[in-house]
PDB file of N, CA and C in Angstrom:
ATOM      1  N   UNK A   1     -25.578  26.268 -49.192  1.00  0.00           N
ATOM      2  CA  UNK A   1     -24.402  25.425 -49.133  1.00  0.00           C
ATOM      3  C   UNK A   1     -24.847  23.969 -49.186  1.00  0.00           C
ATOM      4  N   UNK A   2     -24.294  23.249 -50.128  1.00  0.00           N
ATOM      5  CA  UNK A   2     -24.668  21.843 -50.298  1.00  0.00           C
ATOM      6  C   UNK A   2     -23.459  20.973 -49.970  1.00  0.00           C
ATOM      7  N   UNK A   3     -23.639  20.021 -49.028  1.00  0.00           N
ATOM      8  CA  UNK A   3     -22.529  19.175 -48.603  1.00  0.00           C
ATOM      9  C   UNK A   3     -22.369  17.937 -49.473  1.00  0.00           C
ATOM     10  N   UNK A   4     -23.429  17.462 -50.046  1.00  0.00           N
ATOM     11  CA  UNK A   4     -23.355  16.293 -50.905  1.00  0.00           C
ATOM     12  C   UNK A   4     -23.412  14.996 -50.112  1.00  0.00           C
ATOM     13  N   UNK A   5     -23.450  13.869 -50.803  1.00  0.00           N
ATOM     14  CA  UNK A   5     -23.537  12.589 -50.107  1.00  0.00           C
ATOM     15  C   UNK A   5     -22.212  12.224 -49.430  1.00  0.00           C
ATOM     16  N   UNK A   6     -22.340  11.611 -48.299  1.00  0.00           N
ATOM     17  CA  UNK A   6     -21.167  11.140 -47.585  1.00  0.00           C
ATOM     18  C   UNK A   6     -21.090   9.633 -47.695  1.00  0.00           C
ATOM     19  N   UNK A   7     -19.922   9.128 -47.948  1.00  0.00           N
ATOM     20  CA  UNK A   7     -19.745   7.690 -47.977  1.00  0.00           C
ATOM     21  C   UNK A   7     -18.337   7.360 -47.506  1.00  0.00           C
ATOM     22  N   UNK A   8     -18.221   6.203 -46.965  1.00  0.00           N
ATOM     23  CA  UNK A   8     -16.936   5.739 -46.462  1.00  0.00           C
ATOM     24  C   UNK A   8     -16.659   4.386 -47.080  1.00  0.00           C
ATOM     25  N   UNK A   9     -15.496   4.251 -47.623  1.00  0.00           N
ATOM     26  CA  UNK A   9     -15.100   2.986 -48.198  1.00  0.00           C
ATOM     27  C   UNK A   9     -14.335   2.195 -47.149  1.00  0.00           C
ATOM     28  N   UNK A  10     -14.767   0.976 -46.905  1.00  0.00           N
ATOM     29  CA  UNK A  10     -14.061   0.116 -45.966  1.00  0.00           C
ATOM     30  C   UNK A  10     -13.616  -1.133 -46.694  1.00  0.00           C
ATOM     31  N   UNK A  11     -12.479  -1.605 -46.318  1.00  0.00           N
ATOM     32  CA  UNK A  11     -11.950  -2.812 -46.926  1.00  0.00           C
ATOM     33  C   UNK A  11     -12.710  -4.015 -46.388  1.00  0.00           C
ATOM     34  N   UNK A  12     -12.972  -4.970 -47.241  1.00  0.00           N
ATOM     35  CA  UNK A  12     -13.647  -6.177 -46.798  1.00  0.00           C
ATOM     36  C   UNK A  12     -12.655  -7.190 -46.248  1.00  0.00           C
ATOM     37  N   UNK A  13     -11.369  -6.988 -46.552  1.00  0.00           N
ATOM     38  CA  UNK A  13     -10.334  -7.884 -46.030  1.00  0.00           C
ATOM     39  C   UNK A  13      -9.752  -7.292 -44.765  1.00  0.00           C
ATOM     40  N   UNK A  14      -9.631  -8.118 -43.774  1.00  0.00           N
ATOM     41  CA  UNK A  14      -8.981  -7.684 -42.540  1.00  0.00           C
ATOM     42  C   UNK A  14      -7.669  -8.429 -42.412  1.00  0.00           C
ATOM     43  N   UNK A  15      -6.635  -7.676 -42.094  1.00  0.00           N
ATOM     44  CA  UNK A  15      -5.328  -8.309 -41.913  1.00  0.00           C
ATOM     45  C   UNK A  15      -5.282  -8.945 -40.543  1.00  0.00           C
ATOM     46  N   UNK A  16      -4.962 -10.192 -40.518  1.00  0.00           N
ATOM     47  CA  UNK A  16      -4.761 -10.878 -39.250  1.00  0.00           C
ATOM     48  C   UNK A  16      -3.323 -10.669 -38.808  1.00  0.00           C
ATOM     49  N   UNK A  17      -3.120 -10.557 -37.497  1.00  0.00           N
ATOM     50  CA  UNK A  17      -1.733 -10.406 -37.052  1.00  0.00           C
ATOM     51  C   UNK A  17      -0.940 -11.681 -37.336  1.00  0.00           C
ATOM     52  N   UNK A  18       0.276 -11.481 -37.759  1.00  0.00           N
ATOM     53  CA  UNK A  18       1.137 -12.630 -38.018  1.00  0.00           C
ATOM     54  C   UNK A  18       1.676 -13.157 -36.693  1.00  0.00           C
ATOM     55  N   UNK A  19       2.277 -14.302 -36.733  1.00  0.00           N
ATOM     56  CA  UNK A  19       2.865 -14.888 -35.517  1.00  0.00           C
ATOM     57  C   UNK A  19       3.940 -13.968 -34.953  1.00  0.00           C
ATOM     58  N   UNK A  20       4.722 -13.355 -35.834  1.00  0.00           N
ATOM     59  CA  UNK A  20       5.762 -12.433 -35.402  1.00  0.00           C
ATOM     60  C   UNK A  20       5.153 -11.228 -34.683  1.00  0.00           C
ATOM     61  N   UNK A  21       4.054 -10.701 -35.221  1.00  0.00           N
ATOM     62  CA  UNK A  21       3.386  -9.565 -34.590  1.00  0.00           C
ATOM     63  C   UNK A  21       2.836  -9.951 -33.217  1.00  0.00           C
ATOM     64  N   UNK A  22       2.276 -11.152 -33.118  1.00  0.00           N
ATOM     65  CA  UNK A  22       1.752 -11.625 -31.830  1.00  0.00           C
ATOM     66  C   UNK A  22       2.872 -11.798 -30.820  1.00  0.00           C
ATOM     67  N   UNK A  23       3.992 -12.389 -31.262  1.00  0.00           N
ATOM     68  CA  UNK A  23       5.135 -12.579 -30.368  1.00  0.00           C
ATOM     69  C   UNK A  23       5.690 -11.240 -29.905  1.00  0.00           C
ATOM     70  N   UNK A  24       5.788 -10.287 -30.821  1.00  0.00           N
ATOM     71  CA  UNK A  24       6.300  -8.964 -30.467  1.00  0.00           C
ATOM     72  C   UNK A  24       5.367  -8.291 -29.457  1.00  0.00           C
ATOM     73  N   UNK A  25       4.062  -8.418 -29.668  1.00  0.00           N
ATOM     74  CA  UNK A  25       3.104  -7.833 -28.743  1.00  0.00           C
ATOM     75  C   UNK A  25       3.191  -8.471 -27.362  1.00  0.00           C
ATOM     76  N   UNK A  26       3.341  -9.792 -27.324  1.00  0.00           N
ATOM     77  CA  UNK A  26       3.471 -10.488 -26.042  1.00  0.00           C
ATOM     78  C   UNK A  26       4.755 -10.067 -25.337  1.00  0.00           C
ATOM     79  N   UNK A  27       5.824  -9.914 -26.091  1.00  0.00           N
ATOM     80  CA  UNK A  27       7.101  -9.494 -25.500  1.00  0.00           C
ATOM     81  C   UNK A  27       6.997  -8.064 -24.954  1.00  0.00           C
ATOM     82  N   UNK A  28       6.329  -7.182 -25.688  1.00  0.00           N
ATOM     83  CA  UNK A  28       6.154  -5.803 -25.225  1.00  0.00           C
ATOM     84  C   UNK A  28       5.304  -5.766 -23.953  1.00  0.00           C
ATOM     85  N   UNK A  29       4.268  -6.604 -23.890  1.00  0.00           N
ATOM     86  CA  UNK A  29       3.448  -6.682 -22.678  1.00  0.00           C
ATOM     87  C   UNK A  29       4.280  -7.156 -21.494  1.00  0.00           C
ATOM     88  N   UNK A  30       5.089  -8.195 -21.724  1.00  0.00           N
ATOM     89  CA  UNK A  30       5.940  -8.719 -20.660  1.00  0.00           C
ATOM     90  C   UNK A  30       6.941  -7.665 -20.185  1.00  0.00           C
ATOM     91  N   UNK A  31       7.578  -6.989 -21.141  1.00  0.00           N
ATOM     92  CA  UNK A  31       8.545  -5.944 -20.793  1.00  0.00           C
ATOM     93  C   UNK A  31       7.879  -4.822 -19.996  1.00  0.00           C
ATOM     94  N   UNK A  32       6.654  -4.458 -20.368  1.00  0.00           N
ATOM     95  CA  UNK A  32       5.946  -3.405 -19.641  1.00  0.00           C
ATOM     96  C   UNK A  32       5.636  -3.848 -18.214  1.00  0.00           C
ATOM     97  N   UNK A  33       5.274  -5.125 -18.029  1.00  0.00           N
ATOM     98  CA  UNK A  33       5.005  -5.635 -16.677  1.00  0.00           C
ATOM     99  C   UNK A  33       6.273  -5.636 -15.833  1.00  0.00           C
ATOM    100  N   UNK A  34       7.392  -6.047 -16.423  1.00  0.00           N
ATOM    101  CA  UNK A  34       8.661  -6.067 -15.696  1.00  0.00           C
ATOM    102  C   UNK A  34       9.071  -4.648 -15.315  1.00  0.00           C
ATOM    103  N   UNK A  35       8.940  -3.712 -16.243  1.00  0.00           N
ATOM    104  CA  UNK A  35       9.288  -2.324 -15.953  1.00  0.00           C
ATOM    105  C   UNK A  35       8.415  -1.761 -14.840  1.00  0.00           C
ATOM    106  N   UNK A  36       7.125  -2.066 -14.865  1.00  0.00           N
ATOM    107  CA  UNK A  36       6.220  -1.579 -13.826  1.00  0.00           C
ATOM    108  C   UNK A  36       6.602  -2.159 -12.464  1.00  0.00           C
ATOM    109  N   UNK A  37       6.966  -3.442 -12.444  1.00  0.00           N
ATOM    110  CA  UNK A  37       7.376  -4.071 -11.180  1.00  0.00           C
ATOM    111  C   UNK A  37       8.677  -3.441 -10.659  1.00  0.00           C
ATOM    112  N   UNK A  38       9.621  -3.172 -11.539  1.00  0.00           N
ATOM    113  CA  UNK A  38      10.867  -2.544 -11.120  1.00  0.00           C
ATOM    114  C   UNK A  38      10.623  -1.147 -10.554  1.00  0.00           C
ATOM    115  N   UNK A  39       9.758  -0.376 -11.217  1.00  0.00           N
ATOM    116  CA  UNK A  39       9.444   0.959 -10.700  1.00  0.00           C
ATOM    117  C   UNK A  39       8.756   0.873  -9.342  1.00  0.00           C
ATOM    118  N   UNK A  40       7.886  -0.129  -9.163  1.00  0.00           N
ATOM    119  CA  UNK A  40       7.194  -0.303  -7.885  1.00  0.00           C
ATOM    120  C   UNK A  40       8.200  -0.633  -6.784  1.00  0.00           C
ATOM    121  N   UNK A  41       9.145  -1.517  -7.061  1.00  0.00           N
ATOM    122  CA  UNK A  41      10.150  -1.905  -6.072  1.00  0.00           C
ATOM    123  C   UNK A  41      11.060  -0.719  -5.746  1.00  0.00           C
ATOM    124  N   UNK A  42      11.409   0.071  -6.764  1.00  0.00           N
ATOM    125  CA  UNK A  42      12.271   1.232  -6.527  1.00  0.00           C
ATOM    126  C   UNK A  42      11.629   2.254  -5.593  1.00  0.00           C
ATOM    127  N   UNK A  43      10.308   2.346  -5.599  1.00  0.00           N
ATOM    128  CA  UNK A  43       9.616   3.322  -4.755  1.00  0.00           C
ATOM    129  C   UNK A  43       9.396   2.826  -3.327  1.00  0.00           C
ATOM    130  N   UNK A  44       9.718   1.569  -3.064  1.00  0.00           N
ATOM    131  CA  UNK A  44       9.475   0.997  -1.735  1.00  0.00           C
ATOM    132  C   UNK A  44      10.442   1.558  -0.701  1.00  0.00           C
ATOM    133  N   UNK A  45       9.932   1.660   0.517  1.00  0.00           N
ATOM    134  CA  UNK A  45      10.809   2.021   1.632  1.00  0.00           C
ATOM    135  C   UNK A  45      11.632   0.782   1.986  1.00  0.00           C
ATOM    136  N   UNK A  46      12.699   0.952   2.771  1.00  0.00           N
ATOM    137  CA  UNK A  46      13.515  -0.215   3.159  1.00  0.00           C
ATOM    138  C   UNK A  46      12.690  -1.287   3.874  1.00  0.00           C
ATOM    139  N   UNK A  47      11.745  -0.886   4.706  1.00  0.00           N
ATOM    140  CA  UNK A  47      10.907  -1.854   5.416  1.00  0.00           C
ATOM    141  C   UNK A  47       9.977  -2.592   4.445  1.00  0.00           C
ATOM    142  N   UNK A  48       9.373  -1.872   3.534  1.00  0.00           N
ATOM    143  CA  UNK A  48       8.514  -2.506   2.535  1.00  0.00           C
ATOM    144  C   UNK A  48       9.324  -3.468   1.668  1.00  0.00           C
ATOM    145  N   UNK A  49      10.530  -3.070   1.308  1.00  0.00           N
ATOM    146  CA  UNK A  49      11.372  -3.927   0.484  1.00  0.00           C
ATOM    147  C   UNK A  49      11.753  -5.199   1.233  1.00  0.00           C
ATOM    148  N   UNK A  50      12.052  -5.092   2.527  1.00  0.00           N
ATOM    149  CA  UNK A  50      12.387  -6.275   3.325  1.00  0.00           C
ATOM    150  C   UNK A  50      11.217  -7.257   3.328  1.00  0.00           C
ATOM    151  N   UNK A  51      10.000  -6.738   3.551  1.00  0.00           N
ATOM    152  CA  UNK A  51       8.815  -7.612   3.541  1.00  0.00           C
ATOM    153  C   UNK A  51       8.595  -8.221   2.162  1.00  0.00           C
ATOM    154  N   UNK A  52       8.801  -7.428   1.119  1.00  0.00           N
ATOM    155  CA  UNK A  52       8.657  -7.921  -0.251  1.00  0.00           C
ATOM    156  C   UNK A  52       9.636  -9.061  -0.516  1.00  0.00           C
ATOM    157  N   UNK A  53      10.893  -8.891  -0.101  1.00  0.00           N
ATOM    158  CA  UNK A  53      11.908  -9.923  -0.285  1.00  0.00           C
ATOM    159  C   UNK A  53      11.556 -11.190   0.487  1.00  0.00           C
ATOM    160  N   UNK A  54      11.011 -11.034   1.696  1.00  0.00           N
ATOM    161  CA  UNK A  54      10.624 -12.218   2.470  1.00  0.00           C
ATOM    162  C   UNK A  54       9.517 -12.987   1.768  1.00  0.00           C
ATOM    163  N   UNK A  55       8.616 -12.269   1.115  1.00  0.00           N
ATOM    164  CA  UNK A  55       7.504 -12.931   0.425  1.00  0.00           C
ATOM    165  C   UNK A  55       7.927 -13.555  -0.896  1.00  0.00           C
ATOM    166  N   UNK A  56       8.851 -12.914  -1.600  1.00  0.00           N
ATOM    167  CA  UNK A  56       9.179 -13.378  -2.956  1.00  0.00           C
ATOM    168  C   UNK A  56      10.567 -13.986  -3.093  1.00  0.00           C
ATOM    169  N   UNK A  57      11.452 -13.741  -2.147  1.00  0.00           N
ATOM    170  CA  UNK A  57      12.825 -14.215  -2.269  1.00  0.00           C
ATOM    171  C   UNK A  57      12.918 -15.735  -2.141  1.00  0.00           C
ATOM    172  N   UNK A  58      13.723 -16.360  -2.982  1.00  0.00           N
ATOM    173  CA  UNK A  58      13.851 -17.811  -3.002  1.00  0.00           C
ATOM    174  C   UNK A  58      14.469 -18.340  -1.705  1.00  0.00           C
ATOM    175  N   UNK A  59      15.388 -17.583  -1.103  1.00  0.00           N
ATOM    176  CA  UNK A  59      16.048 -18.067   0.107  1.00  0.00           C
ATOM    177  C   UNK A  59      15.113 -18.053   1.315  1.00  0.00           C
ATOM    178  N   UNK A  60      13.995 -17.333   1.212  1.00  0.00           N
ATOM    179  CA  UNK A  60      13.047 -17.268   2.336  1.00  0.00           C
ATOM    180  C   UNK A  60      11.889 -18.253   2.191  1.00  0.00           C
ATOM    181  N   UNK A  61      11.689 -18.755   1.002  1.00  0.00           N
ATOM    182  CA  UNK A  61      10.551 -19.650   0.773  1.00  0.00           C
ATOM    183  C   UNK A  61      10.774 -20.996   1.441  1.00  0.00           C
ATOM    184  N   UNK A  62       9.663 -21.589   1.882  1.00  0.00           N
ATOM    185  CA  UNK A  62       9.746 -22.921   2.452  1.00  0.00           C
ATOM    186  C   UNK A  62       9.927 -23.923   1.313  1.00  0.00           C
ATOM    187  N   UNK A  63      10.732 -24.928   1.526  1.00  0.00           N
ATOM    188  CA  UNK A  63      10.930 -25.924   0.456  1.00  0.00           C
ATOM    189  C   UNK A  63       9.633 -26.654   0.158  1.00  0.00           C
ATOM    190  N   UNK A  64       9.421 -26.892  -1.128  1.00  0.00           N
ATOM    191  CA  UNK A  64       8.218 -27.617  -1.542  1.00  0.00           C
ATOM    192  C   UNK A  64       8.459 -29.109  -1.392  1.00  0.00           C
ATOM    193  N   UNK A  65       7.452 -29.794  -0.868  1.00  0.00           N
ATOM    194  CA  UNK A  65       7.610 -31.235  -0.633  1.00  0.00           C
ATOM    195  C   UNK A  65       7.156 -32.039  -1.824  1.00  0.00           C
TER     196      UNK A  65
END
């Protein structure tokens, strides 16, 4: 059984992502982070959520001078 020579053709040109592709990728990353944060908050117990709100809620933050 003879397999013969193996060769792979590769393109010398590489497509760079367009600005639209970069923006879409950044938006998808942001959406994934927001979704992950929402799922994390949904799994919190009432006590954990209260502490989370105290740390992140605008009404609990000290005013910046």
